[in-house]
Structures are given as structure tokens and as C-alpha cells.
Amino acid sequence: MAQLLNDTKTHEQGYRLHNMLKGLAKEFGEDRLNPACQRAIEIGATSVSNVRSILRNQLDRVVSAEEQRQEVNFEHDNVRGPHHYH
């Protein structure tokens, strides 16, 4: 949300954007607005209409690919560690 506000060029644009985001918070709830804004930032969608679309399609509740990534554990007898290579 802050990034959207920082991208505005004038105070008037920032004020209008702020009011639109407040409207989305009223309509969908603040608990959904922040994840929707985060999702928009992740995919490079930087307009209020994109955030509204994310909220309408409930994409803020879908686990993103970034969150699905898990680190692999390479602790195994067949895997040589860094001490093996010189």
C-alpha cells in the first residue's frame, strides 16, 4: 500500500489513491487489503484496479509461488559437503 502511495506524482493523486484504498478497506476489510497489495507488488501490478481485481477474485487468499518455496535439506550420506572440495 505504501509503495502505491509513494509512486504518486502529486499530493492530489496521493489523496485520491488514499481514498480509493480506504474504500477497498471498507468493502473488503483491512485484513484482506494488505495481502492484496503485497500480491500486487509481487506481480508488478501497481494500480488500484489491479488490487480491486485481486480482492474480487480472492487471489489475496491464494498462497503465492514465493510462499510455496521450501528449502531442500541436503543432509544425506551420499551428498558431500564443502569440506570435500579444495
PDB file of N, CA and C in Angstrom:
ATOM      1  N   MET A   1       0.828  -1.178   0.000  1.00  0.00           N
ATOM      2  CA  MET A   1       0.000   0.000   0.000  1.00  0.00           C
ATOM      3  C   MET A   1       0.881   1.254   0.000  1.00  0.00           C
ATOM      4  N   ALA A   2       1.925   1.225   0.797  1.00  0.00           N
ATOM      5  CA  ALA A   2       2.814   2.380   0.878  1.00  0.00           C
ATOM      6  C   ALA A   2       3.513   2.624  -0.459  1.00  0.00           C
ATOM      7  N   GLN A   3       3.872   1.548  -1.160  1.00  0.00           N
ATOM      8  CA  GLN A   3       4.537   1.710  -2.446  1.00  0.00           C
ATOM      9  C   GLN A   3       3.599   2.375  -3.452  1.00  0.00           C
ATOM     10  N   LEU A   4       2.330   2.017  -3.437  1.00  0.00           N
ATOM     11  CA  LEU A   4       1.374   2.655  -4.331  1.00  0.00           C
ATOM     12  C   LEU A   4       1.296   4.148  -4.051  1.00  0.00           C
ATOM     13  N   LEU A   5       1.288   4.509  -2.772  1.00  0.00           N
ATOM     14  CA  LEU A   5       1.219   5.923  -2.406  1.00  0.00           C
ATOM     15  C   LEU A   5       2.507   6.656  -2.756  1.00  0.00           C
ATOM     16  N   ASN A   6       3.635   5.993  -2.622  1.00  0.00           N
ATOM     17  CA  ASN A   6       4.920   6.628  -2.944  1.00  0.00           C
ATOM     18  C   ASN A   6       5.079   6.894  -4.437  1.00  0.00           C
ATOM     19  N   ASP A   7       4.377   6.129  -5.273  1.00  0.00           N
ATOM     20  CA  ASP A   7       4.500   6.286  -6.721  1.00  0.00           C
ATOM     21  C   ASP A   7       3.683   7.451  -7.278  1.00  0.00           C
ATOM     22  N   THR A   8       2.885   8.104  -6.449  1.00  0.00           N
ATOM     23  CA  THR A   8       2.072   9.219  -6.942  1.00  0.00           C
ATOM     24  C   THR A   8       2.953  10.440  -7.188  1.00  0.00           C
ATOM     25  N   LYS A   9       2.558  11.227  -8.173  1.00  0.00           N
ATOM     26  CA  LYS A   9       3.361  12.389  -8.568  1.00  0.00           C
ATOM     27  C   LYS A   9       2.943  13.672  -7.845  1.00  0.00           C
ATOM     28  N   THR A  10       1.680  13.793  -7.506  1.00  0.00           N
ATOM     29  CA  THR A  10       1.198  15.000  -6.835  1.00  0.00           C
ATOM     30  C   THR A  10       0.453  14.625  -5.562  1.00  0.00           C
ATOM     31  N   HIS A  11       0.256  15.611  -4.713  1.00  0.00           N
ATOM     32  CA  HIS A  11      -0.487  15.383  -3.474  1.00  0.00           C
ATOM     33  C   HIS A  11      -1.936  15.003  -3.765  1.00  0.00           C
ATOM     34  N   GLU A  12      -2.496  15.592  -4.820  1.00  0.00           N
ATOM     35  CA  GLU A  12      -3.884  15.295  -5.166  1.00  0.00           C
ATOM     36  C   GLU A  12      -4.045  13.834  -5.577  1.00  0.00           C
ATOM     37  N   GLN A  13      -3.089  13.335  -6.364  1.00  0.00           N
ATOM     38  CA  GLN A  13      -3.143  11.928  -6.762  1.00  0.00           C
ATOM     39  C   GLN A  13      -3.021  11.020  -5.535  1.00  0.00           C
ATOM     40  N   GLY A  14      -2.140  11.373  -4.644  1.00  0.00           N
ATOM     41  CA  GLY A  14      -1.965  10.593  -3.421  1.00  0.00           C
ATOM     42  C   GLY A  14      -3.221  10.601  -2.573  1.00  0.00           C
ATOM     43  N   TYR A  15      -3.875  11.749  -2.505  1.00  0.00           N
ATOM     44  CA  TYR A  15      -5.115  11.865  -1.724  1.00  0.00           C
ATOM     45  C   TYR A  15      -6.217  11.004  -2.335  1.00  0.00           C
ATOM     46  N   ARG A  16      -6.364  11.053  -3.660  1.00  0.00           N
ATOM     47  CA  ARG A  16      -7.378  10.232  -4.332  1.00  0.00           C
ATOM     48  C   ARG A  16      -7.084   8.741  -4.158  1.00  0.00           C
ATOM     49  N   LEU A  17      -5.817   8.383  -4.308  1.00  0.00           N
ATOM     50  CA  LEU A  17      -5.414   6.990  -4.138  1.00  0.00           C
ATOM     51  C   LEU A  17      -5.701   6.528  -2.709  1.00  0.00           C
ATOM     52  N   HIS A  18      -5.387   7.373  -1.754  1.00  0.00           N
ATOM     53  CA  HIS A  18      -5.653   7.065  -0.351  1.00  0.00           C
ATOM     54  C   HIS A  18      -7.137   6.815  -0.131  1.00  0.00           C
ATOM     55  N   ASN A  19      -7.971   7.658  -0.672  1.00  0.00           N
ATOM     56  CA  ASN A  19      -9.419   7.484  -0.523  1.00  0.00           C
ATOM     57  C   ASN A  19      -9.912   6.206  -1.200  1.00  0.00           C
ATOM     58  N   MET A  20      -9.360   5.877  -2.361  1.00  0.00           N
ATOM     59  CA  MET A  20      -9.762   4.646  -3.038  1.00  0.00           C
ATOM     60  C   MET A  20      -9.354   3.422  -2.220  1.00  0.00           C
ATOM     61  N   LEU A  21      -8.155   3.454  -1.654  1.00  0.00           N
ATOM     62  CA  LEU A  21      -7.693   2.341  -0.833  1.00  0.00           C
ATOM     63  C   LEU A  21      -8.528   2.221   0.449  1.00  0.00           C
ATOM     64  N   LYS A  22      -8.931   3.361   1.015  1.00  0.00           N
ATOM     65  CA  LYS A  22      -9.808   3.323   2.182  1.00  0.00           C
ATOM     66  C   LYS A  22     -11.150   2.698   1.821  1.00  0.00           C
ATOM     67  N   GLY A  23     -11.643   2.996   0.613  1.00  0.00           N
ATOM     68  CA  GLY A  23     -12.887   2.394   0.144  1.00  0.00           C
ATOM     69  C   GLY A  23     -12.766   0.889  -0.013  1.00  0.00           C
ATOM     70  N   LEU A  24     -11.633   0.436  -0.536  1.00  0.00           N
ATOM     71  CA  LEU A  24     -11.395  -1.004  -0.655  1.00  0.00           C
ATOM     72  C   LEU A  24     -11.308  -1.654   0.726  1.00  0.00           C
ATOM     73  N   ALA A  25     -10.690  -0.962   1.671  1.00  0.00           N
ATOM     74  CA  ALA A  25     -10.591  -1.494   3.034  1.00  0.00           C
ATOM     75  C   ALA A  25     -11.978  -1.628   3.653  1.00  0.00           C
ATOM     76  N   LYS A  26     -12.854  -0.665   3.390  1.00  0.00           N
ATOM     77  CA  LYS A  26     -14.228  -0.734   3.895  1.00  0.00           C
ATOM     78  C   LYS A  26     -15.001  -1.880   3.249  1.00  0.00           C
ATOM     79  N   GLU A  27     -14.828  -2.013   1.931  1.00  0.00           N
ATOM     80  CA  GLU A  27     -15.575  -3.014   1.168  1.00  0.00           C
ATOM     81  C   GLU A  27     -15.102  -4.444   1.456  1.00  0.00           C
ATOM     82  N   PHE A  28     -13.785  -4.633   1.535  1.00  0.00           N
ATOM     83  CA  PHE A  28     -13.240  -5.985   1.660  1.00  0.00           C
ATOM     84  C   PHE A  28     -12.592  -6.267   3.019  1.00  0.00           C
ATOM     85  N   GLY A  29     -12.296  -5.237   3.770  1.00  0.00           N
ATOM     86  CA  GLY A  29     -11.647  -5.392   5.073  1.00  0.00           C
ATOM     87  C   GLY A  29     -10.153  -5.170   4.984  1.00  0.00           C
ATOM     88  N   GLU A  30      -9.610  -4.543   6.023  1.00  0.00           N
ATOM     89  CA  GLU A  30      -8.177  -4.246   6.049  1.00  0.00           C
ATOM     90  C   GLU A  30      -7.343  -5.515   6.111  1.00  0.00           C
ATOM     91  N   ASP A  31      -7.900  -6.573   6.715  1.00  0.00           N
ATOM     92  CA  ASP A  31      -7.157  -7.822   6.819  1.00  0.00           C
ATOM     93  C   ASP A  31      -6.916  -8.460   5.462  1.00  0.00           C
ATOM     94  N   ARG A  32      -7.729  -8.114   4.468  1.00  0.00           N
ATOM     95  CA  ARG A  32      -7.522  -8.625   3.108  1.00  0.00           C
ATOM     96  C   ARG A  32      -6.779  -7.620   2.238  1.00  0.00           C
ATOM     97  N   LEU A  33      -6.887  -6.348   2.546  1.00  0.00           N
ATOM     98  CA  LEU A  33      -6.271  -5.320   1.699  1.00  0.00           C
ATOM     99  C   LEU A  33      -4.751  -5.407   1.698  1.00  0.00           C
ATOM    100  N   ASN A  34      -4.147  -5.572   2.858  1.00  0.00           N
ATOM    101  CA  ASN A  34      -2.680  -5.630   2.912  1.00  0.00           C
ATOM    102  C   ASN A  34      -2.113  -6.812   2.134  1.00  0.00           C
ATOM    103  N   PRO A  35      -2.651  -8.041   2.288  1.00  0.00           N
ATOM    104  CA  PRO A  35      -2.135  -9.146   1.455  1.00  0.00           C
ATOM    105  C   PRO A  35      -2.386  -8.917  -0.033  1.00  0.00           C
ATOM    106  N   ALA A  36      -3.497  -8.271  -0.384  1.00  0.00           N
ATOM    107  CA  ALA A  36      -3.780  -7.988  -1.790  1.00  0.00           C
ATOM    108  C   ALA A  36      -2.768  -6.998  -2.350  1.00  0.00           C
ATOM    109  N   CYS A  37      -2.406  -5.993  -1.569  1.00  0.00           N
ATOM    110  CA  CYS A  37      -1.392  -5.029  -2.006  1.00  0.00           C
ATOM    111  C   CYS A  37      -0.035  -5.712  -2.144  1.00  0.00           C
ATOM    112  N   GLN A  38       0.284  -6.596  -1.218  1.00  0.00           N
ATOM    113  CA  GLN A  38       1.543  -7.336  -1.299  1.00  0.00           C
ATOM    114  C   GLN A  38       1.573  -8.190  -2.557  1.00  0.00           C
ATOM    115  N   ARG A  39       0.470  -8.843  -2.847  1.00  0.00           N
ATOM    116  CA  ARG A  39       0.363  -9.680  -4.047  1.00  0.00           C
ATOM    117  C   ARG A  39       0.535  -8.820  -5.302  1.00  0.00           C
ATOM    118  N   ALA A  40      -0.087  -7.636  -5.311  1.00  0.00           N
ATOM    119  CA  ALA A  40       0.027  -6.724  -6.448  1.00  0.00           C
ATOM    120  C   ALA A  40       1.477  -6.305  -6.664  1.00  0.00           C
ATOM    121  N   ILE A  41       2.187  -6.026  -5.591  1.00  0.00           N
ATOM    122  CA  ILE A  41       3.592  -5.632  -5.689  1.00  0.00           C
ATOM    123  C   ILE A  41       4.423  -6.789  -6.247  1.00  0.00           C
ATOM    124  N   GLU A  42       4.132  -8.018  -5.787  1.00  0.00           N
ATOM    125  CA  GLU A  42       4.878  -9.189  -6.255  1.00  0.00           C
ATOM    126  C   GLU A  42       4.757  -9.390  -7.760  1.00  0.00           C
ATOM    127  N   ILE A  43       3.571  -9.122  -8.304  1.00  0.00           N
ATOM    128  CA  ILE A  43       3.355  -9.362  -9.728  1.00  0.00           C
ATOM    129  C   ILE A  43       3.537  -8.107 -10.574  1.00  0.00           C
ATOM    130  N   GLY A  44       3.881  -6.990  -9.925  1.00  0.00           N
ATOM    131  CA  GLY A  44       4.136  -5.754 -10.664  1.00  0.00           C
ATOM    132  C   GLY A  44       2.883  -5.010 -11.075  1.00  0.00           C
ATOM    133  N   ALA A  45       1.769  -5.287 -10.429  1.00  0.00           N
ATOM    134  CA  ALA A  45       0.501  -4.614 -10.719  1.00  0.00           C
ATOM    135  C   ALA A  45       0.373  -3.443  -9.753  1.00  0.00           C
ATOM    136  N   THR A  46       0.523  -2.224 -10.271  1.00  0.00           N
ATOM    137  CA  THR A  46       0.618  -1.075  -9.366  1.00  0.00           C
ATOM    138  C   THR A  46      -0.549  -0.109  -9.471  1.00  0.00           C
ATOM    139  N   SER A  47      -1.732  -0.602  -9.791  1.00  0.00           N
ATOM    140  CA  SER A  47      -2.888   0.300  -9.820  1.00  0.00           C
ATOM    141  C   SER A  47      -3.962  -0.211  -8.874  1.00  0.00           C
ATOM    142  N   VAL A  48      -4.829   0.684  -8.465  1.00  0.00           N
ATOM    143  CA  VAL A  48      -5.916   0.332  -7.562  1.00  0.00           C
ATOM    144  C   VAL A  48      -6.852  -0.674  -8.231  1.00  0.00           C
ATOM    145  N   SER A  49      -7.049  -0.552  -9.527  1.00  0.00           N
ATOM    146  CA  SER A  49      -7.921  -1.503 -10.216  1.00  0.00           C
ATOM    147  C   SER A  49      -7.341  -2.915 -10.158  1.00  0.00           C
ATOM    148  N   ASN A  50      -6.018  -3.038 -10.189  1.00  0.00           N
ATOM    149  CA  ASN A  50      -5.385  -4.352 -10.040  1.00  0.00           C
ATOM    150  C   ASN A  50      -5.614  -4.918  -8.642  1.00  0.00           C
ATOM    151  N   VAL A  51      -5.487  -4.072  -7.637  1.00  0.00           N
ATOM    152  CA  VAL A  51      -5.720  -4.508  -6.260  1.00  0.00           C
ATOM    153  C   VAL A  51      -7.179  -4.916  -6.089  1.00  0.00           C
ATOM    154  N   ARG A  52      -8.093  -4.146  -6.664  1.00  0.00           N
ATOM    155  CA  ARG A  52      -9.518  -4.473  -6.598  1.00  0.00           C
ATOM    156  C   ARG A  52      -9.783  -5.826  -7.270  1.00  0.00           C
ATOM    157  N   SER A  53      -9.157  -6.073  -8.395  1.00  0.00           N
ATOM    158  CA  SER A  53      -9.320  -7.343  -9.098  1.00  0.00           C
ATOM    159  C   SER A  53      -8.794  -8.506  -8.254  1.00  0.00           C
ATOM    160  N   ILE A  54      -7.674  -8.310  -7.608  1.00  0.00           N
ATOM    161  CA  ILE A  54      -7.118  -9.339  -6.730  1.00  0.00           C
ATOM    162  C   ILE A  54      -8.100  -9.650  -5.604  1.00  0.00           C
ATOM    163  N   LEU A  55      -8.698  -8.609  -5.039  1.00  0.00           N
ATOM    164  CA  LEU A  55      -9.655  -8.810  -3.955  1.00  0.00           C
ATOM    165  C   LEU A  55     -10.935  -9.490  -4.449  1.00  0.00           C
ATOM    166  N   ARG A  56     -11.451  -9.051  -5.578  1.00  0.00           N
ATOM    167  CA  ARG A  56     -12.690  -9.647  -6.112  1.00  0.00           C
ATOM    168  C   ARG A  56     -12.514 -11.123  -6.443  1.00  0.00           C
ATOM    169  N   ASN A  57     -11.346 -11.479  -6.961  1.00  0.00           N
ATOM    170  CA  ASN A  57     -11.081 -12.870  -7.337  1.00  0.00           C
ATOM    171  C   ASN A  57     -10.462 -13.680  -6.202  1.00  0.00           C
ATOM    172  N   GLN A  58     -10.366 -13.056  -5.032  1.00  0.00           N
ATOM    173  CA  GLN A  58      -9.849 -13.683  -3.816  1.00  0.00           C
ATOM    174  C   GLN A  58      -8.439 -14.245  -3.992  1.00  0.00           C
ATOM    175  N   LEU A  59      -7.653 -13.586  -4.821  1.00  0.00           N
ATOM    176  CA  LEU A  59      -6.271 -14.022  -5.034  1.00  0.00           C
ATOM    177  C   LEU A  59      -5.377 -13.688  -3.843  1.00  0.00           C
ATOM    178  N   ASP A  60      -5.856 -12.805  -2.969  1.00  0.00           N
ATOM    179  CA  ASP A  60      -5.099 -12.489  -1.760  1.00  0.00           C
ATOM    180  C   ASP A  60      -5.092 -13.668  -0.800  1.00  0.00           C
ATOM    181  N   ARG A  61      -6.003 -14.607  -0.977  1.00  0.00           N
ATOM    182  CA  ARG A  61      -6.103 -15.782  -0.108  1.00  0.00           C
ATOM    183  C   ARG A  61      -5.379 -16.995  -0.676  1.00  0.00           C
ATOM    184  N   VAL A  62      -4.885 -16.882  -1.911  1.00  0.00           N
ATOM    185  CA  VAL A  62      -4.162 -17.968  -2.554  1.00  0.00           C
ATOM    186  C   VAL A  62      -2.691 -17.857  -2.187  1.00  0.00           C
ATOM    187  N   VAL A  63      -2.093 -18.962  -1.851  1.00  0.00           N
ATOM    188  CA  VAL A  63      -0.670 -18.969  -1.494  1.00  0.00           C
ATOM    189  C   VAL A  63       0.145 -18.707  -2.748  1.00  0.00           C
ATOM    190  N   SER A  64       0.998 -17.697  -2.685  1.00  0.00           N
ATOM    191  CA  SER A  64       1.808 -17.336  -3.848  1.00  0.00           C
ATOM    192  C   SER A  64       2.963 -18.316  -4.024  1.00  0.00           C
ATOM    193  N   ALA A  65       3.537 -18.312  -5.211  1.00  0.00           N
ATOM    194  CA  ALA A  65       4.670 -19.194  -5.519  1.00  0.00           C
ATOM    195  C   ALA A  65       5.844 -18.890  -4.606  1.00  0.00           C
ATOM    196  N   GLU A  66       6.012 -17.635  -4.240  1.00  0.00           N
ATOM    197  CA  GLU A  66       7.098 -17.237  -3.350  1.00  0.00           C
ATOM    198  C   GLU A  66       6.945 -17.903  -1.986  1.00  0.00           C
ATOM    199  N   GLU A  67       5.720 -17.997  -1.497  1.00  0.00           N
ATOM    200  CA  GLU A  67       5.473 -18.604  -0.196  1.00  0.00           C
ATOM    201  C   GLU A  67       5.542 -20.132  -0.253  1.00  0.00           C
ATOM    202  N   GLN A  68       5.327 -20.709  -1.422  1.00  0.00           N
ATOM    203  CA  GLN A  68       5.331 -22.153  -1.564  1.00  0.00           C
ATOM    204  C   GLN A  68       6.730 -22.742  -1.592  1.00  0.00           C
ATOM    205  N   ARG A  69       7.709 -21.924  -1.914  1.00  0.00           N
ATOM    206  CA  ARG A  69       9.084 -22.415  -1.997  1.00  0.00           C
ATOM    207  C   ARG A  69       9.555 -22.901  -0.639  1.00  0.00           C
ATOM    208  N   GLN A  70      10.185 -24.037  -0.666  1.00  0.00           N
ATOM    209  CA  GLN A  70      10.764 -24.588   0.547  1.00  0.00           C
ATOM    210  C   GLN A  70      12.210 -24.943   0.270  1.00  0.00           C
ATOM    211  N   GLU A  71      13.035 -24.731   1.246  1.00  0.00           N
ATOM    212  CA  GLU A  71      14.445 -25.055   1.075  1.00  0.00           C
ATOM    213  C   GLU A  71      14.627 -26.563   1.205  1.00  0.00           C
ATOM    214  N   VAL A  72      15.469 -27.102   0.359  1.00  0.00           N
ATOM    215  CA  VAL A  72      15.724 -28.538   0.357  1.00  0.00           C
ATOM    216  C   VAL A  72      16.805 -28.857   1.374  1.00  0.00           C
ATOM    217  N   ASN A  73      16.607 -29.933   2.096  1.00  0.00           N
ATOM    218  CA  ASN A  73      17.581 -30.381   3.065  1.00  0.00           C
ATOM    219  C   ASN A  73      18.530 -31.368   2.383  1.00  0.00           C
ATOM    220  N   PHE A  74      19.812 -31.023   2.272  1.00  0.00           N
ATOM    221  CA  PHE A  74      20.787 -31.866   1.603  1.00  0.00           C
ATOM    222  C   PHE A  74      21.588 -32.715   2.596  1.00  0.00           C
ATOM    223  N   GLU A  75      21.069 -32.913   3.780  1.00  0.00           N
ATOM    224  CA  GLU A  75      21.729 -33.763   4.761  1.00  0.00           C
ATOM    225  C   GLU A  75      21.484 -35.217   4.364  1.00  0.00           C
ATOM    226  N   HIS A  76      22.481 -35.835   3.730  1.00  0.00           N
ATOM    227  CA  HIS A  76      22.351 -37.219   3.281  1.00  0.00           C
ATOM    228  C   HIS A  76      23.741 -37.823   3.166  1.00  0.00           C
ATOM    229  N   ASP A  77      23.839 -39.126   3.348  1.00  0.00           N
ATOM    230  CA  ASP A  77      25.138 -39.805   3.290  1.00  0.00           C
ATOM    231  C   ASP A  77      25.807 -39.670   1.925  1.00  0.00           C
ATOM    232  N   ASN A  78      25.042 -39.577   0.867  1.00  0.00           N
ATOM    233  CA  ASN A  78      25.598 -39.530  -0.484  1.00  0.00           C
ATOM    234  C   ASN A  78      25.971 -38.122  -0.944  1.00  0.00           C
ATOM    235  N   VAL A  79      25.682 -37.116  -0.150  1.00  0.00           N
ATOM    236  CA  VAL A  79      25.975 -35.735  -0.534  1.00  0.00           C
ATOM    237  C   VAL A  79      27.225 -35.286   0.206  1.00  0.00           C
ATOM    238  N   ARG A  80      28.248 -34.869  -0.549  1.00  0.00           N
ATOM    239  CA  ARG A  80      29.492 -34.406   0.042  1.00  0.00           C
ATOM    240  C   ARG A  80      29.366 -32.929   0.375  1.00  0.00           C
ATOM    241  N   GLY A  81      29.908 -32.534   1.462  1.00  0.00           N
ATOM    242  CA  GLY A  81      29.834 -31.136   1.896  1.00  0.00           C
ATOM    243  C   GLY A  81      30.951 -30.299   1.338  1.00  0.00           C
ATOM    244  N   PRO A  82      31.008 -29.016   1.695  1.00  0.00           N
ATOM    245  CA  PRO A  82      32.028 -28.103   1.175  1.00  0.00           C
ATOM    246  C   PRO A  82      33.445 -28.475   1.613  1.00  0.00           C
ATOM    247  N   HIS A  83      33.562 -29.207   2.711  1.00  0.00           N
ATOM    248  CA  HIS A  83      34.891 -29.604   3.180  1.00  0.00           C
ATOM    249  C   HIS A  83      35.565 -30.604   2.223  1.00  0.00           C
ATOM    250  N   HIS A  84      34.799 -31.255   1.394  1.00  0.00           N
ATOM    251  CA  HIS A  84      35.325 -32.234   0.456  1.00  0.00           C
ATOM    252  C   HIS A  84      36.069 -31.575  -0.723  1.00  0.00           C
ATOM    253  N   TYR A  85      35.688 -30.377  -1.102  1.00  0.00           N
ATOM    254  CA  TYR A  85      36.249 -29.702  -2.279  1.00  0.00           C
ATOM    255  C   TYR A  85      37.301 -28.682  -1.841  1.00  0.00           C
ATOM    256  N   HIS A  86      38.483 -28.779  -2.451  1.00  0.00           N
ATOM    257  CA  HIS A  86      39.553 -27.820  -2.118  1.00  0.00           C
ATOM    258  C   HIS A  86      40.117 -27.229  -3.377  1.00  0.00           C
TER     259      HIS A  86
END
